[in-house]
Structure formats: structure tokens, C-alpha cells
Amino acid sequence: MTVPDEAVEAAARAYQSEVSYTGAPNWDDLTEGRQLLRVEWMRTALTAAAPFIAAQAWDEGWKAGAEWMEPTGPNPYRSAE
């Protein structure tokens, strides 16, 4: 599962904004190399989290649509339970 680049950059900016509160530089003050490092950290974290997010989204989608449509099979984002 891939995570969109826009989501990764948004996460990196949010992370840097959070640590900037503790005295770290703001996103725009980071060198390009440090920005790329933050982006790679977030890509790793979001790639690990993506299957869990997708599974929850699937479950919530079926729950929301259950009034008019029955699920046709198990959640493909969860392992066999």
C-alpha cells in the first residue's frame, strides 16, 4: 500500500510544527536535506500505519452504508480472523 506524497509532506510539516514548539526550527527554516529526512521518517511511519487506517476506513464505510447495502465479503484490509 502506498501513501500519497501530499499526505507524507503534510505529516512531516505537522511533525516539525509540533517539535518547533520545543525550540526546534520551523519547517521553512530547515535545510532541504533535513526536510527530506523528515519526509522519509513520515513516509516510513505512514506506510506502517496505512493498512490499519485502510481497515478502519473500510469498517466505518460498511457501517455507514449498511442501511442500504450488505457487505459482499470480509474486510480485505484485515487478515483472516
PDB file of N, CA and C in Angstrom:
ATOM      1  N   MET A   1       0.858  -1.173   0.000  1.00  0.00           N
ATOM      2  CA  MET A   1       0.000   0.000   0.000  1.00  0.00           C
ATOM      3  C   MET A   1       0.896   1.227   0.000  1.00  0.00           C
ATOM      4  N   THR A   2       0.602   2.164  -0.873  1.00  0.00           N
ATOM      5  CA  THR A   2       1.393   3.394  -0.930  1.00  0.00           C
ATOM      6  C   THR A   2       0.626   4.534  -0.271  1.00  0.00           C
ATOM      7  N   VAL A   3       1.373   5.478   0.225  1.00  0.00           N
ATOM      8  CA  VAL A   3       0.806   6.663   0.863  1.00  0.00           C
ATOM      9  C   VAL A   3       1.084   7.844  -0.072  1.00  0.00           C
ATOM     10  N   PRO A   4       0.063   8.658  -0.380  1.00  0.00           N
ATOM     11  CA  PRO A   4       0.278   9.789  -1.293  1.00  0.00           C
ATOM     12  C   PRO A   4       1.343  10.757  -0.775  1.00  0.00           C
ATOM     13  N   ASP A   5       2.136  11.285  -1.682  1.00  0.00           N
ATOM     14  CA  ASP A   5       3.185  12.237  -1.312  1.00  0.00           C
ATOM     15  C   ASP A   5       2.627  13.428  -0.535  1.00  0.00           C
ATOM     16  N   GLU A   6       1.432  13.882  -0.911  1.00  0.00           N
ATOM     17  CA  GLU A   6       0.826  15.020  -0.226  1.00  0.00           C
ATOM     18  C   GLU A   6       0.577  14.702   1.247  1.00  0.00           C
ATOM     19  N   ALA A   7       0.156  13.481   1.527  1.00  0.00           N
ATOM     20  CA  ALA A   7      -0.086  13.072   2.917  1.00  0.00           C
ATOM     21  C   ALA A   7       1.218  12.997   3.688  1.00  0.00           C
ATOM     22  N   VAL A   8       2.265  12.500   3.041  1.00  0.00           N
ATOM     23  CA  VAL A   8       3.559  12.383   3.700  1.00  0.00           C
ATOM     24  C   VAL A   8       4.112  13.765   4.034  1.00  0.00           C
ATOM     25  N   GLU A   9       4.048  14.692   3.084  1.00  0.00           N
ATOM     26  CA  GLU A   9       4.568  16.037   3.347  1.00  0.00           C
ATOM     27  C   GLU A   9       3.740  16.738   4.419  1.00  0.00           C
ATOM     28  N   ALA A  10       2.431  16.556   4.389  1.00  0.00           N
ATOM     29  CA  ALA A  10       1.584  17.166   5.424  1.00  0.00           C
ATOM     30  C   ALA A  10       1.959  16.628   6.805  1.00  0.00           C
ATOM     31  N   ALA A  11       2.224  15.343   6.894  1.00  0.00           N
ATOM     32  CA  ALA A  11       2.623  14.748   8.166  1.00  0.00           C
ATOM     33  C   ALA A  11       3.980  15.285   8.614  1.00  0.00           C
ATOM     34  N   ALA A  12       4.917  15.425   7.684  1.00  0.00           N
ATOM     35  CA  ALA A  12       6.240  15.945   8.026  1.00  0.00           C
ATOM     36  C   ALA A  12       6.150  17.384   8.523  1.00  0.00           C
ATOM     37  N   ARG A  13       5.330  18.189   7.857  1.00  0.00           N
ATOM     38  CA  ARG A  13       5.150  19.573   8.298  1.00  0.00           C
ATOM     39  C   ARG A  13       4.479  19.630   9.672  1.00  0.00           C
ATOM     40  N   ALA A  14       3.495  18.784   9.889  1.00  0.00           N
ATOM     41  CA  ALA A  14       2.806  18.751  11.185  1.00  0.00           C
ATOM     42  C   ALA A  14       3.768  18.313  12.291  1.00  0.00           C
ATOM     43  N   TYR A  15       4.580  17.313  11.999  1.00  0.00           N
ATOM     44  CA  TYR A  15       5.576  16.846  12.964  1.00  0.00           C
ATOM     45  C   TYR A  15       6.533  17.983  13.309  1.00  0.00           C
ATOM     46  N   GLN A  16       7.056  18.648  12.296  1.00  0.00           N
ATOM     47  CA  GLN A  16       8.019  19.721  12.550  1.00  0.00           C
ATOM     48  C   GLN A  16       7.374  20.866  13.305  1.00  0.00           C
ATOM     49  N   SER A  17       6.114  21.147  13.003  1.00  0.00           N
ATOM     50  CA  SER A  17       5.393  22.197  13.723  1.00  0.00           C
ATOM     51  C   SER A  17       5.279  21.847  15.202  1.00  0.00           C
ATOM     52  N   GLU A  18       5.041  20.566  15.493  1.00  0.00           N
ATOM     53  CA  GLU A  18       4.916  20.119  16.878  1.00  0.00           C
ATOM     54  C   GLU A  18       6.241  20.228  17.616  1.00  0.00           C
ATOM     55  N   VAL A  19       7.329  19.796  16.983  1.00  0.00           N
ATOM     56  CA  VAL A  19       8.620  19.872  17.669  1.00  0.00           C
ATOM     57  C   VAL A  19       9.163  21.293  17.687  1.00  0.00           C
ATOM     58  N   SER A  20       8.701  22.148  16.783  1.00  0.00           N
ATOM     59  CA  SER A  20       9.138  23.544  16.792  1.00  0.00           C
ATOM     60  C   SER A  20       8.727  24.237  18.075  1.00  0.00           C
ATOM     61  N   TYR A  21       7.646  23.762  18.657  1.00  0.00           N
ATOM     62  CA  TYR A  21       7.168  24.324  19.924  1.00  0.00           C
ATOM     63  C   TYR A  21       8.231  24.155  21.008  1.00  0.00           C
ATOM     64  N   THR A  22       9.052  23.113  20.891  1.00  0.00           N
ATOM     65  CA  THR A  22      10.078  22.844  21.888  1.00  0.00           C
ATOM     66  C   THR A  22      11.406  23.512  21.541  1.00  0.00           C
ATOM     67  N   GLY A  23      11.404  24.369  20.546  1.00  0.00           N
ATOM     68  CA  GLY A  23      12.613  25.101  20.202  1.00  0.00           C
ATOM     69  C   GLY A  23      13.282  24.662  18.920  1.00  0.00           C
ATOM     70  N   ALA A  24      12.791  23.599  18.284  1.00  0.00           N
ATOM     71  CA  ALA A  24      13.350  23.162  17.011  1.00  0.00           C
ATOM     72  C   ALA A  24      12.955  24.161  15.921  1.00  0.00           C
ATOM     73  N   PRO A  25      13.699  24.214  14.827  1.00  0.00           N
ATOM     74  CA  PRO A  25      13.363  25.162  13.762  1.00  0.00           C
ATOM     75  C   PRO A  25      12.013  24.855  13.108  1.00  0.00           C
ATOM     76  N   ASN A  26      11.398  25.888  12.563  1.00  0.00           N
ATOM     77  CA  ASN A  26      10.175  25.710  11.781  1.00  0.00           C
ATOM     78  C   ASN A  26      10.516  25.019  10.469  1.00  0.00           C
ATOM     79  N   TRP A  27       9.497  24.472   9.807  1.00  0.00           N
ATOM     80  CA  TRP A  27       9.685  23.757   8.540  1.00  0.00           C
ATOM     81  C   TRP A  27      10.468  24.596   7.537  1.00  0.00           C
ATOM     82  N   ASP A  28      10.071  25.850   7.360  1.00  0.00           N
ATOM     83  CA  ASP A  28      10.717  26.696   6.355  1.00  0.00           C
ATOM     84  C   ASP A  28      12.160  27.040   6.714  1.00  0.00           C
ATOM     85  N   ASP A  29      12.538  26.869   7.977  1.00  0.00           N
ATOM     86  CA  ASP A  29      13.914  27.155   8.407  1.00  0.00           C
ATOM     87  C   ASP A  29      14.833  25.945   8.279  1.00  0.00           C
ATOM     88  N   LEU A  30      14.277  24.776   7.993  1.00  0.00           N
ATOM     89  CA  LEU A  30      15.091  23.574   7.826  1.00  0.00           C
ATOM     90  C   LEU A  30      15.803  23.592   6.480  1.00  0.00           C
ATOM     91  N   THR A  31      16.964  22.998   6.430  1.00  0.00           N
ATOM     92  CA  THR A  31      17.637  22.828   5.138  1.00  0.00           C
ATOM     93  C   THR A  31      16.840  21.815   4.315  1.00  0.00           C
ATOM     94  N   GLU A  32      17.070  21.814   3.035  1.00  0.00           N
ATOM     95  CA  GLU A  32      16.368  20.863   2.167  1.00  0.00           C
ATOM     96  C   GLU A  32      16.656  19.426   2.594  1.00  0.00           C
ATOM     97  N   GLY A  33      17.896  19.161   2.987  1.00  0.00           N
ATOM     98  CA  GLY A  33      18.258  17.824   3.431  1.00  0.00           C
ATOM     99  C   GLY A  33      17.485  17.393   4.670  1.00  0.00           C
ATOM    100  N   ARG A  34      17.315  18.303   5.615  1.00  0.00           N
ATOM    101  CA  ARG A  34      16.554  17.972   6.828  1.00  0.00           C
ATOM    102  C   ARG A  34      15.064  17.811   6.517  1.00  0.00           C
ATOM    103  N   GLN A  35      14.563  18.618   5.593  1.00  0.00           N
ATOM    104  CA  GLN A  35      13.163  18.443   5.183  1.00  0.00           C
ATOM    105  C   GLN A  35      12.969  17.052   4.574  1.00  0.00           C
ATOM    106  N   LEU A  36      13.895  16.644   3.708  1.00  0.00           N
ATOM    107  CA  LEU A  36      13.803  15.325   3.080  1.00  0.00           C
ATOM    108  C   LEU A  36      13.891  14.214   4.125  1.00  0.00           C
ATOM    109  N   LEU A  37      14.724  14.405   5.143  1.00  0.00           N
ATOM    110  CA  LEU A  37      14.832  13.415   6.215  1.00  0.00           C
ATOM    111  C   LEU A  37      13.505  13.290   6.958  1.00  0.00           C
ATOM    112  N   ARG A  38      12.873  14.446   7.273  1.00  0.00           N
ATOM    113  CA  ARG A  38      11.574  14.415   7.959  1.00  0.00           C
ATOM    114  C   ARG A  38      10.527  13.718   7.092  1.00  0.00           C
ATOM    115  N   VAL A  39      10.548  13.997   5.797  1.00  0.00           N
ATOM    116  CA  VAL A  39       9.601  13.366   4.874  1.00  0.00           C
ATOM    117  C   VAL A  39       9.800  11.846   4.867  1.00  0.00           C
ATOM    118  N   GLU A  40      11.035  11.392   4.847  1.00  0.00           N
ATOM    119  CA  GLU A  40      11.292   9.950   4.853  1.00  0.00           C
ATOM    120  C   GLU A  40      10.864   9.307   6.165  1.00  0.00           C
ATOM    121  N   TRP A  41      11.047   9.997   7.296  1.00  0.00           N
ATOM    122  CA  TRP A  41      10.568   9.482   8.581  1.00  0.00           C
ATOM    123  C   TRP A  41       9.056   9.289   8.527  1.00  0.00           C
ATOM    124  N   MET A  42       8.372  10.298   8.019  1.00  0.00           N
ATOM    125  CA  MET A  42       6.909  10.235   7.971  1.00  0.00           C
ATOM    126  C   MET A  42       6.439   9.187   6.970  1.00  0.00           C
ATOM    127  N   ARG A  43       7.154   9.034   5.854  1.00  0.00           N
ATOM    128  CA  ARG A  43       6.777   8.006   4.877  1.00  0.00           C
ATOM    129  C   ARG A  43       6.868   6.621   5.536  1.00  0.00           C
ATOM    130  N   THR A  44       7.919   6.395   6.294  1.00  0.00           N
ATOM    131  CA  THR A  44       8.077   5.117   6.986  1.00  0.00           C
ATOM    132  C   THR A  44       6.937   4.895   7.979  1.00  0.00           C
ATOM    133  N   ALA A  45       6.639   5.906   8.777  1.00  0.00           N
ATOM    134  CA  ALA A  45       5.579   5.778   9.785  1.00  0.00           C
ATOM    135  C   ALA A  45       4.211   5.592   9.126  1.00  0.00           C
ATOM    136  N   LEU A  46       3.908   6.391   8.125  1.00  0.00           N
ATOM    137  CA  LEU A  46       2.594   6.303   7.480  1.00  0.00           C
ATOM    138  C   LEU A  46       2.438   5.013   6.678  1.00  0.00           C
ATOM    139  N   THR A  47       3.504   4.528   6.080  1.00  0.00           N
ATOM    140  CA  THR A  47       3.429   3.264   5.362  1.00  0.00           C
ATOM    141  C   THR A  47       3.119   2.123   6.331  1.00  0.00           C
ATOM    142  N   ALA A  48       3.709   2.188   7.519  1.00  0.00           N
ATOM    143  CA  ALA A  48       3.414   1.165   8.530  1.00  0.00           C
ATOM    144  C   ALA A  48       1.976   1.276   9.030  1.00  0.00           C
ATOM    145  N   ALA A  49       1.468   2.488   9.143  1.00  0.00           N
ATOM    146  CA  ALA A  49       0.117   2.711   9.674  1.00  0.00           C
ATOM    147  C   ALA A  49      -0.975   2.546   8.622  1.00  0.00           C
ATOM    148  N   ALA A  50      -0.658   2.694   7.363  1.00  0.00           N
ATOM    149  CA  ALA A  50      -1.664   2.718   6.293  1.00  0.00           C
ATOM    150  C   ALA A  50      -2.598   1.507   6.279  1.00  0.00           C
ATOM    151  N   PRO A  51      -2.118   0.279   6.440  1.00  0.00           N
ATOM    152  CA  PRO A  51      -3.056  -0.853   6.419  1.00  0.00           C
ATOM    153  C   PRO A  51      -4.093  -0.790   7.546  1.00  0.00           C
ATOM    154  N   PHE A  52      -3.690  -0.291   8.691  1.00  0.00           N
ATOM    155  CA  PHE A  52      -4.616  -0.175   9.817  1.00  0.00           C
ATOM    156  C   PHE A  52      -5.648   0.926   9.568  1.00  0.00           C
ATOM    157  N   ILE A  53      -5.202   2.024   8.966  1.00  0.00           N
ATOM    158  CA  ILE A  53      -6.107   3.121   8.622  1.00  0.00           C
ATOM    159  C   ILE A  53      -7.100   2.659   7.558  1.00  0.00           C
ATOM    160  N   ALA A  54      -6.606   1.933   6.555  1.00  0.00           N
ATOM    161  CA  ALA A  54      -7.482   1.428   5.490  1.00  0.00           C
ATOM    162  C   ALA A  54      -8.515   0.460   6.052  1.00  0.00           C
ATOM    163  N   ALA A  55      -8.105  -0.424   6.956  1.00  0.00           N
ATOM    164  CA  ALA A  55      -9.041  -1.379   7.553  1.00  0.00           C
ATOM    165  C   ALA A  55     -10.131  -0.657   8.341  1.00  0.00           C
ATOM    166  N   GLN A  56      -9.758   0.351   9.087  1.00  0.00           N
ATOM    167  CA  GLN A  56     -10.753   1.101   9.849  1.00  0.00           C
ATOM    168  C   GLN A  56     -11.688   1.862   8.914  1.00  0.00           C
ATOM    169  N   ALA A  57     -11.143   2.454   7.874  1.00  0.00           N
ATOM    170  CA  ALA A  57     -11.978   3.170   6.910  1.00  0.00           C
ATOM    171  C   ALA A  57     -12.970   2.220   6.248  1.00  0.00           C
ATOM    172  N   TRP A  58     -12.529   1.014   5.907  1.00  0.00           N
ATOM    173  CA  TRP A  58     -13.414   0.003   5.311  1.00  0.00           C
ATOM    174  C   TRP A  58     -14.546  -0.325   6.278  1.00  0.00           C
ATOM    175  N   ASP A  59     -14.189  -0.608   7.522  1.00  0.00           N
ATOM    176  CA  ASP A  59     -15.207  -0.940   8.527  1.00  0.00           C
ATOM    177  C   ASP A  59     -16.213   0.191   8.711  1.00  0.00           C
ATOM    178  N   GLU A  60     -15.723   1.414   8.814  1.00  0.00           N
ATOM    179  CA  GLU A  60     -16.608   2.555   9.001  1.00  0.00           C
ATOM    180  C   GLU A  60     -17.472   2.801   7.772  1.00  0.00           C
ATOM    181  N   GLY A  61     -16.905   2.585   6.593  1.00  0.00           N
ATOM    182  CA  GLY A  61     -17.686   2.740   5.369  1.00  0.00           C
ATOM    183  C   GLY A  61     -18.818   1.744   5.283  1.00  0.00           C
ATOM    184  N   TRP A  62     -18.540   0.474   5.601  1.00  0.00           N
ATOM    185  CA  TRP A  62     -19.605  -0.534   5.587  1.00  0.00           C
ATOM    186  C   TRP A  62     -20.649  -0.242   6.645  1.00  0.00           C
ATOM    187  N   LYS A  63     -20.211   0.221   7.806  1.00  0.00           N
ATOM    188  CA  LYS A  63     -21.167   0.550   8.870  1.00  0.00           C
ATOM    189  C   LYS A  63     -22.080   1.689   8.421  1.00  0.00           C
ATOM    190  N   ALA A  64     -21.501   2.707   7.807  1.00  0.00           N
ATOM    191  CA  ALA A  64     -22.287   3.851   7.348  1.00  0.00           C
ATOM    192  C   ALA A  64     -23.231   3.468   6.214  1.00  0.00           C
ATOM    193  N   GLY A  65     -22.814   2.538   5.364  1.00  0.00           N
ATOM    194  CA  GLY A  65     -23.638   2.153   4.222  1.00  0.00           C
ATOM    195  C   GLY A  65     -24.523   0.949   4.472  1.00  0.00           C
ATOM    196  N   ALA A  66     -24.476   0.388   5.676  1.00  0.00           N
ATOM    197  CA  ALA A  66     -25.210  -0.847   5.971  1.00  0.00           C
ATOM    198  C   ALA A  66     -26.716  -0.697   5.838  1.00  0.00           C
ATOM    199  N   GLU A  67     -27.226   0.514   5.956  1.00  0.00           N
ATOM    200  CA  GLU A  67     -28.669   0.709   5.850  1.00  0.00           C
ATOM    201  C   GLU A  67     -29.185   0.376   4.453  1.00  0.00           C
ATOM    202  N   TRP A  68     -28.383   0.516   3.437  1.00  0.00           N
ATOM    203  CA  TRP A  68     -28.856   0.296   2.077  1.00  0.00           C
ATOM    204  C   TRP A  68     -28.075  -0.752   1.309  1.00  0.00           C
ATOM    205  N   MET A  69     -27.005  -1.309   1.910  1.00  0.00           N
ATOM    206  CA  MET A  69     -26.228  -2.300   1.180  1.00  0.00           C
ATOM    207  C   MET A  69     -25.568  -3.269   2.156  1.00  0.00           C
ATOM    208  N   GLU A  70     -25.632  -4.521   1.864  1.00  0.00           N
ATOM    209  CA  GLU A  70     -24.988  -5.540   2.689  1.00  0.00           C
ATOM    210  C   GLU A  70     -23.542  -5.746   2.213  1.00  0.00           C
ATOM    211  N   PRO A  71     -22.614  -5.944   3.129  1.00  0.00           N
ATOM    212  CA  PRO A  71     -21.246  -6.258   2.704  1.00  0.00           C
ATOM    213  C   PRO A  71     -21.227  -7.527   1.855  1.00  0.00           C
ATOM    214  N   THR A  72     -20.375  -7.537   0.864  1.00  0.00           N
ATOM    215  CA  THR A  72     -20.297  -8.692  -0.035  1.00  0.00           C
ATOM    216  C   THR A  72     -19.173  -9.643   0.345  1.00  0.00           C
ATOM    217  N   GLY A  73     -18.426  -9.314   1.359  1.00  0.00           N
ATOM    218  CA  GLY A  73     -17.328 -10.179   1.779  1.00  0.00           C
ATOM    219  C   GLY A  73     -16.606  -9.576   2.960  1.00  0.00           C
ATOM    220  N   PRO A  74     -15.585 -10.253   3.424  1.00  0.00           N
ATOM    221  CA  PRO A  74     -14.831  -9.745   4.572  1.00  0.00           C
ATOM    222  C   PRO A  74     -13.997  -8.525   4.191  1.00  0.00           C
ATOM    223  N   ASN A  75     -13.579  -7.808   5.195  1.00  0.00           N
ATOM    224  CA  ASN A  75     -12.727  -6.645   5.006  1.00  0.00           C
ATOM    225  C   ASN A  75     -11.389  -7.100   4.410  1.00  0.00           C
ATOM    226  N   PRO A  76     -11.067  -6.668   3.189  1.00  0.00           N
ATOM    227  CA  PRO A  76      -9.816  -7.127   2.556  1.00  0.00           C
ATOM    228  C   PRO A  76      -8.576  -6.534   3.203  1.00  0.00           C
ATOM    229  N   TYR A  77      -8.745  -5.536   4.048  1.00  0.00           N
ATOM    230  CA  TYR A  77      -7.604  -4.890   4.695  1.00  0.00           C
ATOM    231  C   TYR A  77      -7.271  -5.511   6.059  1.00  0.00           C
ATOM    232  N   ARG A  78      -8.068  -6.452   6.480  1.00  0.00           N
ATOM    233  CA  ARG A  78      -7.794  -7.150   7.739  1.00  0.00           C
ATOM    234  C   ARG A  78      -7.428  -8.596   7.408  1.00  0.00           C
ATOM    235  N   SER A  79      -6.534  -9.144   8.187  1.00  0.00           N
ATOM    236  CA  SER A  79      -6.190 -10.548   7.979  1.00  0.00           C
ATOM    237  C   SER A  79      -7.370 -11.420   8.407  1.00  0.00           C
ATOM    238  N   ALA A  80      -7.389 -12.630   7.949  1.00  0.00           N
ATOM    239  CA  ALA A  80      -8.497 -13.547   8.288  1.00  0.00           C
ATOM    240  C   ALA A  80      -8.589 -13.688   9.802  1.00  0.00           C
ATOM    241  N   GLU A  81      -9.785 -13.509  10.302  1.00  0.00           N
ATOM    242  CA  GLU A  81      -9.996 -13.577  11.752  1.00  0.00           C
ATOM    243  C   GLU A  81     -10.719 -14.833  12.107  1.00  0.00           C
TER     244      GLU A  81
END
